[in-house]
């Protein structure tokens, strides 16, 4: 499982273990699974698509701007805004 956190300047929106997250990167969408290579990317306004399990229905959260970081702890999204 991938540890995923979504943070805005106001608060921690999510902190959970998920199967995969698709991130709206500034260079295009990218998927992050457990054990992904380290990565930092700016993100554009768009939808985060969160897959809690491999075959389940994904959840979508609209985000605006910010950064994504993938490291040995998981994926952290620092968004300017999340709805």
PDB file of N, CA and C in Angstrom:
ATOM      1  N   UNK A   1       0.843  -1.196   0.000  1.00  0.00           N
ATOM      2  CA  UNK A   1       0.000   0.000   0.000  1.00  0.00           C
ATOM      3  C   UNK A   1       0.881   1.251   0.000  1.00  0.00           C
ATOM      4  N   UNK A   2       0.334   2.303  -0.546  1.00  0.00           N
ATOM      5  CA  UNK A   2       1.010   3.596  -0.650  1.00  0.00           C
ATOM      6  C   UNK A   2       0.454   4.523   0.425  1.00  0.00           C
ATOM      7  N   UNK A   3       1.321   5.140   1.220  1.00  0.00           N
ATOM      8  CA  UNK A   3       0.838   6.125   2.185  1.00  0.00           C
ATOM      9  C   UNK A   3       0.664   7.452   1.449  1.00  0.00           C
ATOM     10  N   UNK A   4      -0.523   8.043   1.558  1.00  0.00           N
ATOM     11  CA  UNK A   4      -0.894   9.252   0.823  1.00  0.00           C
ATOM     12  C   UNK A   4      -1.349  10.327   1.796  1.00  0.00           C
ATOM     13  N   UNK A   5      -0.809  11.536   1.617  1.00  0.00           N
ATOM     14  CA  UNK A   5      -1.259  12.690   2.402  1.00  0.00           C
ATOM     15  C   UNK A   5      -1.560  13.843   1.466  1.00  0.00           C
ATOM     16  N   UNK A   6      -2.682  14.507   1.715  1.00  0.00           N
ATOM     17  CA  UNK A   6      -3.089  15.712   0.998  1.00  0.00           C
ATOM     18  C   UNK A   6      -3.169  16.828   2.022  1.00  0.00           C
ATOM     19  N   UNK A   7      -2.366  17.878   1.796  1.00  0.00           N
ATOM     20  CA  UNK A   7      -2.253  18.971   2.754  1.00  0.00           C
ATOM     21  C   UNK A   7      -2.512  20.292   2.042  1.00  0.00           C
ATOM     22  N   UNK A   8      -3.283  21.181   2.686  1.00  0.00           N
ATOM     23  CA  UNK A   8      -3.461  22.554   2.207  1.00  0.00           C
ATOM     24  C   UNK A   8      -2.882  23.478   3.268  1.00  0.00           C
ATOM     25  N   UNK A   9      -2.745  24.774   2.961  1.00  0.00           N
ATOM     26  CA  UNK A   9      -2.243  25.689   3.995  1.00  0.00           C
ATOM     27  C   UNK A   9      -3.104  25.710   5.257  1.00  0.00           C
ATOM     28  N   UNK A  10      -4.383  25.365   5.124  1.00  0.00           N
ATOM     29  CA  UNK A  10      -5.285  25.403   6.269  1.00  0.00           C
ATOM     30  C   UNK A  10      -5.230  24.151   7.140  1.00  0.00           C
ATOM     31  N   UNK A  11      -5.087  22.975   6.514  1.00  0.00           N
ATOM     32  CA  UNK A  11      -5.145  21.747   7.313  1.00  0.00           C
ATOM     33  C   UNK A  11      -4.734  20.505   6.517  1.00  0.00           C
ATOM     34  N   UNK A  12      -4.591  19.409   7.233  1.00  0.00           N
ATOM     35  CA  UNK A  12      -4.362  18.098   6.640  1.00  0.00           C
ATOM     36  C   UNK A  12      -5.719  17.581   6.164  1.00  0.00           C
ATOM     37  N   UNK A  13      -5.863  17.377   4.863  1.00  0.00           N
ATOM     38  CA  UNK A  13      -7.144  16.954   4.294  1.00  0.00           C
ATOM     39  C   UNK A  13      -7.282  15.440   4.366  1.00  0.00           C
ATOM     40  N   UNK A  14      -6.209  14.706   4.009  1.00  0.00           N
ATOM     41  CA  UNK A  14      -6.225  13.249   4.014  1.00  0.00           C
ATOM     42  C   UNK A  14      -4.897  12.695   4.472  1.00  0.00           C
ATOM     43  N   UNK A  15      -4.934  11.581   5.144  1.00  0.00           N
ATOM     44  CA  UNK A  15      -3.749  10.804   5.480  1.00  0.00           C
ATOM     45  C   UNK A  15      -4.215   9.363   5.577  1.00  0.00           C
ATOM     46  N   UNK A  16      -3.885   8.572   4.555  1.00  0.00           N
ATOM     47  CA  UNK A  16      -4.390   7.209   4.501  1.00  0.00           C
ATOM     48  C   UNK A  16      -3.514   6.350   3.599  1.00  0.00           C
ATOM     49  N   UNK A  17      -3.675   5.050   3.708  1.00  0.00           N
ATOM     50  CA  UNK A  17      -2.992   4.109   2.829  1.00  0.00           C
ATOM     51  C   UNK A  17      -3.936   3.753   1.694  1.00  0.00           C
ATOM     52  N   UNK A  18      -3.431   3.863   0.465  1.00  0.00           N
ATOM     53  CA  UNK A  18      -4.237   3.620  -0.729  1.00  0.00           C
ATOM     54  C   UNK A  18      -3.460   2.733  -1.688  1.00  0.00           C
ATOM     55  N   UNK A  19      -4.131   2.281  -2.741  1.00  0.00           N
ATOM     56  CA  UNK A  19      -3.479   1.462  -3.759  1.00  0.00           C
ATOM     57  C   UNK A  19      -2.678   2.337  -4.730  1.00  0.00           C
ATOM     58  N   UNK A  20      -3.316   3.427  -5.255  1.00  0.00           N
ATOM     59  CA  UNK A  20      -2.670   4.281  -6.247  1.00  0.00           C
ATOM     60  C   UNK A  20      -3.331   5.658  -6.256  1.00  0.00           C
ATOM     61  N   UNK A  21      -2.546   6.689  -6.613  1.00  0.00           N
ATOM     62  CA  UNK A  21      -3.071   8.036  -6.803  1.00  0.00           C
ATOM     63  C   UNK A  21      -2.584   8.530  -8.156  1.00  0.00           C
ATOM     64  N   UNK A  22      -3.502   9.115  -8.947  1.00  0.00           N
ATOM     65  CA  UNK A  22      -3.140   9.747 -10.211  1.00  0.00           C
ATOM     66  C   UNK A  22      -3.135  11.245  -9.962  1.00  0.00           C
ATOM     67  N   UNK A  23      -1.986  11.880 -10.241  1.00  0.00           N
ATOM     68  CA  UNK A  23      -1.726  13.280  -9.908  1.00  0.00           C
ATOM     69  C   UNK A  23      -1.704  14.123 -11.182  1.00  0.00           C
ATOM     70  N   UNK A  24      -2.364  15.309 -11.170  1.00  0.00           N
ATOM     71  CA  UNK A  24      -2.306  16.197 -12.328  1.00  0.00           C
ATOM     72  C   UNK A  24      -1.005  17.010 -12.322  1.00  0.00           C
ATOM     73  N   UNK A  25       0.067  16.417 -12.789  1.00  0.00           N
ATOM     74  CA  UNK A  25       1.358  17.096 -12.819  1.00  0.00           C
ATOM     75  C   UNK A  25       1.387  18.190 -13.869  1.00  0.00           C
ATOM     76  N   UNK A  26       2.276  19.151 -13.705  1.00  0.00           N
ATOM     77  CA  UNK A  26       2.369  20.249 -14.660  1.00  0.00           C
ATOM     78  C   UNK A  26       2.818  19.771 -16.041  1.00  0.00           C
ATOM     79  N   UNK A  27       3.496  18.628 -16.114  1.00  0.00           N
ATOM     80  CA  UNK A  27       3.941  18.056 -17.387  1.00  0.00           C
ATOM     81  C   UNK A  27       3.006  16.948 -17.871  1.00  0.00           C
ATOM     82  N   UNK A  28       1.916  16.718 -17.142  1.00  0.00           N
ATOM     83  CA  UNK A  28       0.964  15.663 -17.497  1.00  0.00           C
ATOM     84  C   UNK A  28       0.629  14.821 -16.279  1.00  0.00           C
ATOM     85  N   UNK A  29      -0.445  14.075 -16.365  1.00  0.00           N
ATOM     86  CA  UNK A  29      -0.871  13.225 -15.256  1.00  0.00           C
ATOM     87  C   UNK A  29       0.128  12.088 -15.045  1.00  0.00           C
ATOM     88  N   UNK A  30       0.322  11.708 -13.784  1.00  0.00           N
ATOM     89  CA  UNK A  30       1.169  10.555 -13.487  1.00  0.00           C
ATOM     90  C   UNK A  30       0.591   9.777 -12.322  1.00  0.00           C
ATOM     91  N   UNK A  31       0.750   8.458 -12.390  1.00  0.00           N
ATOM     92  CA  UNK A  31       0.250   7.573 -11.351  1.00  0.00           C
ATOM     93  C   UNK A  31       1.359   7.211 -10.387  1.00  0.00           C
ATOM     94  N   UNK A  32       1.005   7.105  -9.114  1.00  0.00           N
ATOM     95  CA  UNK A  32       1.971   6.737  -8.079  1.00  0.00           C
ATOM     96  C   UNK A  32       1.443   5.504  -7.347  1.00  0.00           C
ATOM     97  N   UNK A  33       2.268   4.451  -7.346  1.00  0.00           N
ATOM     98  CA  UNK A  33       1.993   3.215  -6.616  1.00  0.00           C
ATOM     99  C   UNK A  33       3.018   3.090  -5.488  1.00  0.00           C
ATOM    100  N   UNK A  34       2.820   2.134  -4.614  1.00  0.00           N
ATOM    101  CA  UNK A  34       3.806   1.856  -3.562  1.00  0.00           C
ATOM    102  C   UNK A  34       5.162   1.591  -4.202  1.00  0.00           C
ATOM    103  N   UNK A  35       6.234   2.011  -3.527  1.00  0.00           N
ATOM    104  CA  UNK A  35       7.618   1.808  -3.961  1.00  0.00           C
ATOM    105  C   UNK A  35       7.985   2.588  -5.223  1.00  0.00           C
ATOM    106  N   UNK A  36       7.259   3.666  -5.509  1.00  0.00           N
ATOM    107  CA  UNK A  36       7.572   4.517  -6.657  1.00  0.00           C
ATOM    108  C   UNK A  36       8.935   5.171  -6.431  1.00  0.00           C
ATOM    109  N   UNK A  37       9.651   5.446  -7.497  1.00  0.00           N
ATOM    110  CA  UNK A  37      10.936   6.141  -7.400  1.00  0.00           C
ATOM    111  C   UNK A  37      10.713   7.545  -6.836  1.00  0.00           C
ATOM    112  N   UNK A  38      11.679   8.091  -6.078  1.00  0.00           N
ATOM    113  CA  UNK A  38      11.546   9.446  -5.553  1.00  0.00           C
ATOM    114  C   UNK A  38      11.313  10.454  -6.687  1.00  0.00           C
ATOM    115  N   UNK A  39      10.467  11.444  -6.397  1.00  0.00           N
ATOM    116  CA  UNK A  39      10.053  12.395  -7.426  1.00  0.00           C
ATOM    117  C   UNK A  39       9.527  13.653  -6.764  1.00  0.00           C
ATOM    118  N   UNK A  40       9.787  14.793  -7.379  1.00  0.00           N
ATOM    119  CA  UNK A  40       9.131  16.053  -6.994  1.00  0.00           C
ATOM    120  C   UNK A  40       8.585  16.662  -8.269  1.00  0.00           C
ATOM    121  N   UNK A  41       7.368  17.216  -8.202  1.00  0.00           N
ATOM    122  CA  UNK A  41       6.741  17.810  -9.375  1.00  0.00           C
ATOM    123  C   UNK A  41       5.815  18.929  -8.937  1.00  0.00           C
ATOM    124  N   UNK A  42       5.728  19.963  -9.761  1.00  0.00           N
ATOM    125  CA  UNK A  42       4.667  20.938  -9.560  1.00  0.00           C
ATOM    126  C   UNK A  42       3.384  20.302 -10.085  1.00  0.00           C
ATOM    127  N   UNK A  43       2.257  20.768  -9.564  1.00  0.00           N
ATOM    128  CA  UNK A  43       0.981  20.244 -10.031  1.00  0.00           C
ATOM    129  C   UNK A  43       0.132  21.386 -10.558  1.00  0.00           C
ATOM    130  N   UNK A  44      -0.697  21.053 -11.523  1.00  0.00           N
ATOM    131  CA  UNK A  44      -1.611  22.037 -12.106  1.00  0.00           C
ATOM    132  C   UNK A  44      -2.999  21.843 -11.499  1.00  0.00           C
ATOM    133  N   UNK A  45      -3.869  22.804 -11.722  1.00  0.00           N
ATOM    134  CA  UNK A  45      -5.258  22.651 -11.292  1.00  0.00           C
ATOM    135  C   UNK A  45      -5.840  21.429 -11.998  1.00  0.00           C
ATOM    136  N   UNK A  46      -6.486  20.588 -11.245  1.00  0.00           N
ATOM    137  CA  UNK A  46      -7.065  19.382 -11.837  1.00  0.00           C
ATOM    138  C   UNK A  46      -7.592  18.446 -10.777  1.00  0.00           C
ATOM    139  N   UNK A  47      -7.793  17.198 -11.172  1.00  0.00           N
ATOM    140  CA  UNK A  47      -8.372  16.202 -10.274  1.00  0.00           C
ATOM    141  C   UNK A  47      -7.336  15.182  -9.827  1.00  0.00           C
ATOM    142  N   UNK A  48      -7.260  14.975  -8.511  1.00  0.00           N
ATOM    143  CA  UNK A  48      -6.533  13.837  -7.962  1.00  0.00           C
ATOM    144  C   UNK A  48      -7.489  12.654  -8.045  1.00  0.00           C
ATOM    145  N   UNK A  49      -7.015  11.537  -8.539  1.00  0.00           N
ATOM    146  CA  UNK A  49      -7.851  10.343  -8.608  1.00  0.00           C
ATOM    147  C   UNK A  49      -7.251   9.327  -7.646  1.00  0.00           C
ATOM    148  N   UNK A  50      -8.001   8.989  -6.609  1.00  0.00           N
ATOM    149  CA  UNK A  50      -7.514   8.128  -5.533  1.00  0.00           C
ATOM    150  C   UNK A  50      -8.162   6.753  -5.658  1.00  0.00           C
ATOM    151  N   UNK A  51      -7.311   5.747  -5.837  1.00  0.00           N
ATOM    152  CA  UNK A  51      -7.770   4.352  -5.916  1.00  0.00           C
ATOM    153  C   UNK A  51      -7.440   3.705  -4.571  1.00  0.00           C
ATOM    154  N   UNK A  52      -8.448   3.469  -3.755  1.00  0.00           N
ATOM    155  CA  UNK A  52      -8.212   2.857  -2.443  1.00  0.00           C
ATOM    156  C   UNK A  52      -7.826   1.394  -2.563  1.00  0.00           C
ATOM    157  N   UNK A  53      -8.335   0.739  -3.590  1.00  0.00           N
ATOM    158  CA  UNK A  53      -7.983  -0.658  -3.845  1.00  0.00           C
ATOM    159  C   UNK A  53      -7.837  -0.838  -5.343  1.00  0.00           C
ATOM    160  N   UNK A  54      -7.214  -1.924  -5.743  1.00  0.00           N
ATOM    161  CA  UNK A  54      -6.875  -2.118  -7.158  1.00  0.00           C
ATOM    162  C   UNK A  54      -8.090  -2.084  -8.078  1.00  0.00           C
ATOM    163  N   UNK A  55      -9.201  -2.684  -7.669  1.00  0.00           N
ATOM    164  CA  UNK A  55     -10.350  -2.794  -8.563  1.00  0.00           C
ATOM    165  C   UNK A  55     -11.565  -2.000  -8.106  1.00  0.00           C
ATOM    166  N   UNK A  56     -11.425  -1.189  -7.081  1.00  0.00           N
ATOM    167  CA  UNK A  56     -12.563  -0.438  -6.574  1.00  0.00           C
ATOM    168  C   UNK A  56     -12.835   0.815  -7.396  1.00  0.00           C
ATOM    169  N   UNK A  57     -13.930   1.476  -7.082  1.00  0.00           N
ATOM    170  CA  UNK A  57     -14.281   2.736  -7.724  1.00  0.00           C
ATOM    171  C   UNK A  57     -13.414   3.841  -7.152  1.00  0.00           C
ATOM    172  N   UNK A  58     -12.727   4.603  -8.019  1.00  0.00           N
ATOM    173  CA  UNK A  58     -11.851   5.664  -7.507  1.00  0.00           C
ATOM    174  C   UNK A  58     -12.638   6.876  -7.017  1.00  0.00           C
ATOM    175  N   UNK A  59     -11.994   7.642  -6.155  1.00  0.00           N
ATOM    176  CA  UNK A  59     -12.537   8.900  -5.643  1.00  0.00           C
ATOM    177  C   UNK A  59     -11.762  10.038  -6.293  1.00  0.00           C
ATOM    178  N   UNK A  60     -12.451  11.129  -6.596  1.00  0.00           N
ATOM    179  CA  UNK A  60     -11.813  12.285  -7.219  1.00  0.00           C
ATOM    180  C   UNK A  60     -11.901  13.485  -6.290  1.00  0.00           C
ATOM    181  N   UNK A  61     -10.779  14.184  -6.139  1.00  0.00           N
ATOM    182  CA  UNK A  61     -10.731  15.417  -5.353  1.00  0.00           C
ATOM    183  C   UNK A  61     -10.140  16.500  -6.243  1.00  0.00           C
ATOM    184  N   UNK A  62     -10.828  17.613  -6.379  1.00  0.00           N
ATOM    185  CA  UNK A  62     -10.346  18.746  -7.178  1.00  0.00           C
ATOM    186  C   UNK A  62      -9.293  19.494  -6.362  1.00  0.00           C
ATOM    187  N   UNK A  63      -8.125  19.739  -6.980  1.00  0.00           N
ATOM    188  CA  UNK A  63      -7.071  20.501  -6.312  1.00  0.00           C
ATOM    189  C   UNK A  63      -6.631  21.652  -7.206  1.00  0.00           C
ATOM    190  N   UNK A  64      -6.016  22.651  -6.573  1.00  0.00           N
ATOM    191  CA  UNK A  64      -5.494  23.795  -7.304  1.00  0.00           C
ATOM    192  C   UNK A  64      -4.054  24.031  -6.900  1.00  0.00           C
ATOM    193  N   UNK A  65      -3.156  23.965  -7.878  1.00  0.00           N
ATOM    194  CA  UNK A  65      -1.747  24.304  -7.697  1.00  0.00           C
ATOM    195  C   UNK A  65      -1.050  23.574  -6.578  1.00  0.00           C
ATOM    196  N   UNK A  66       0.274  23.704  -6.548  1.00  0.00           N
ATOM    197  CA  UNK A  66       1.043  23.141  -5.462  1.00  0.00           C
ATOM    198  C   UNK A  66       2.152  22.232  -5.945  1.00  0.00           C
ATOM    199  N   UNK A  67       2.520  21.293  -5.093  1.00  0.00           N
ATOM    200  CA  UNK A  67       3.637  20.397  -5.340  1.00  0.00           C
ATOM    201  C   UNK A  67       3.275  18.972  -4.929  1.00  0.00           C
ATOM    202  N   UNK A  68       3.924  18.013  -5.583  1.00  0.00           N
ATOM    203  CA  UNK A  68       3.813  16.610  -5.205  1.00  0.00           C
ATOM    204  C   UNK A  68       5.209  16.111  -4.891  1.00  0.00           C
ATOM    205  N   UNK A  69       5.326  15.337  -3.826  1.00  0.00           N
ATOM    206  CA  UNK A  69       6.605  14.719  -3.480  1.00  0.00           C
ATOM    207  C   UNK A  69       6.381  13.243  -3.204  1.00  0.00           C
ATOM    208  N   UNK A  70       7.193  12.418  -3.865  1.00  0.00           N
ATOM    209  CA  UNK A  70       7.187  10.985  -3.604  1.00  0.00           C
ATOM    210  C   UNK A  70       8.540  10.657  -2.981  1.00  0.00           C
ATOM    211  N   UNK A  71       8.512   9.990  -1.833  1.00  0.00           N
ATOM    212  CA  UNK A  71       9.752   9.551  -1.186  1.00  0.00           C
ATOM    213  C   UNK A  71       9.499   8.196  -0.544  1.00  0.00           C
ATOM    214  N   UNK A  72      10.446   7.721   0.262  1.00  0.00           N
ATOM    215  CA  UNK A  72      10.307   6.386   0.849  1.00  0.00           C
ATOM    216  C   UNK A  72       9.098   6.276   1.788  1.00  0.00           C
ATOM    217  N   UNK A  73       8.578   7.391   2.266  1.00  0.00           N
ATOM    218  CA  UNK A  73       7.404   7.378   3.148  1.00  0.00           C
ATOM    219  C   UNK A  73       6.091   7.336   2.380  1.00  0.00           C
ATOM    220  N   UNK A  74       6.109   7.707   1.084  1.00  0.00           N
ATOM    221  CA  UNK A  74       4.886   7.702   0.295  1.00  0.00           C
ATOM    222  C   UNK A  74       4.737   8.957  -0.537  1.00  0.00           C
ATOM    223  N   UNK A  75       3.493   9.361  -0.790  1.00  0.00           N
ATOM    224  CA  UNK A  75       3.164  10.510  -1.627  1.00  0.00           C
ATOM    225  C   UNK A  75       2.561  11.611  -0.765  1.00  0.00           C
ATOM    226  N   UNK A  76       3.112  12.803  -0.872  1.00  0.00           N
ATOM    227  CA  UNK A  76       2.549  13.977  -0.202  1.00  0.00           C
ATOM    228  C   UNK A  76       2.193  15.010  -1.266  1.00  0.00           C
ATOM    229  N   UNK A  77       0.958  15.477  -1.235  1.00  0.00           N
ATOM    230  CA  UNK A  77       0.494  16.550  -2.113  1.00  0.00           C
ATOM    231  C   UNK A  77       0.327  17.785  -1.250  1.00  0.00           C
ATOM    232  N   UNK A  78       1.044  18.857  -1.591  1.00  0.00           N
ATOM    233  CA  UNK A  78       0.911  20.141  -0.927  1.00  0.00           C
ATOM    234  C   UNK A  78       0.153  21.032  -1.895  1.00  0.00           C
ATOM    235  N   UNK A  79      -1.153  21.132  -1.716  1.00  0.00           N
ATOM    236  CA  UNK A  79      -2.007  21.865  -2.657  1.00  0.00           C
ATOM    237  C   UNK A  79      -2.387  23.219  -2.097  1.00  0.00           C
ATOM    238  N   UNK A  80      -2.504  24.193  -2.980  1.00  0.00           N
ATOM    239  CA  UNK A  80      -2.969  25.506  -2.557  1.00  0.00           C
ATOM    240  C   UNK A  80      -4.413  25.450  -2.086  1.00  0.00           C
ATOM    241  N   UNK A  81      -5.183  24.544  -2.710  1.00  0.00           N
ATOM    242  CA  UNK A  81      -6.594  24.398  -2.353  1.00  0.00           C
ATOM    243  C   UNK A  81      -7.091  23.017  -2.740  1.00  0.00           C
ATOM    244  N   UNK A  82      -7.975  22.439  -1.950  1.00  0.00           N
ATOM    245  CA  UNK A  82      -8.588  21.138  -2.245  1.00  0.00           C
ATOM    246  C   UNK A  82     -10.072  21.216  -1.929  1.00  0.00           C
ATOM    247  N   UNK A  83     -10.879  20.649  -2.807  1.00  0.00           N
ATOM    248  CA  UNK A  83     -12.339  20.660  -2.605  1.00  0.00           C
ATOM    249  C   UNK A  83     -12.855  19.251  -2.409  1.00  0.00           C
TER     250      UNK A  83
END
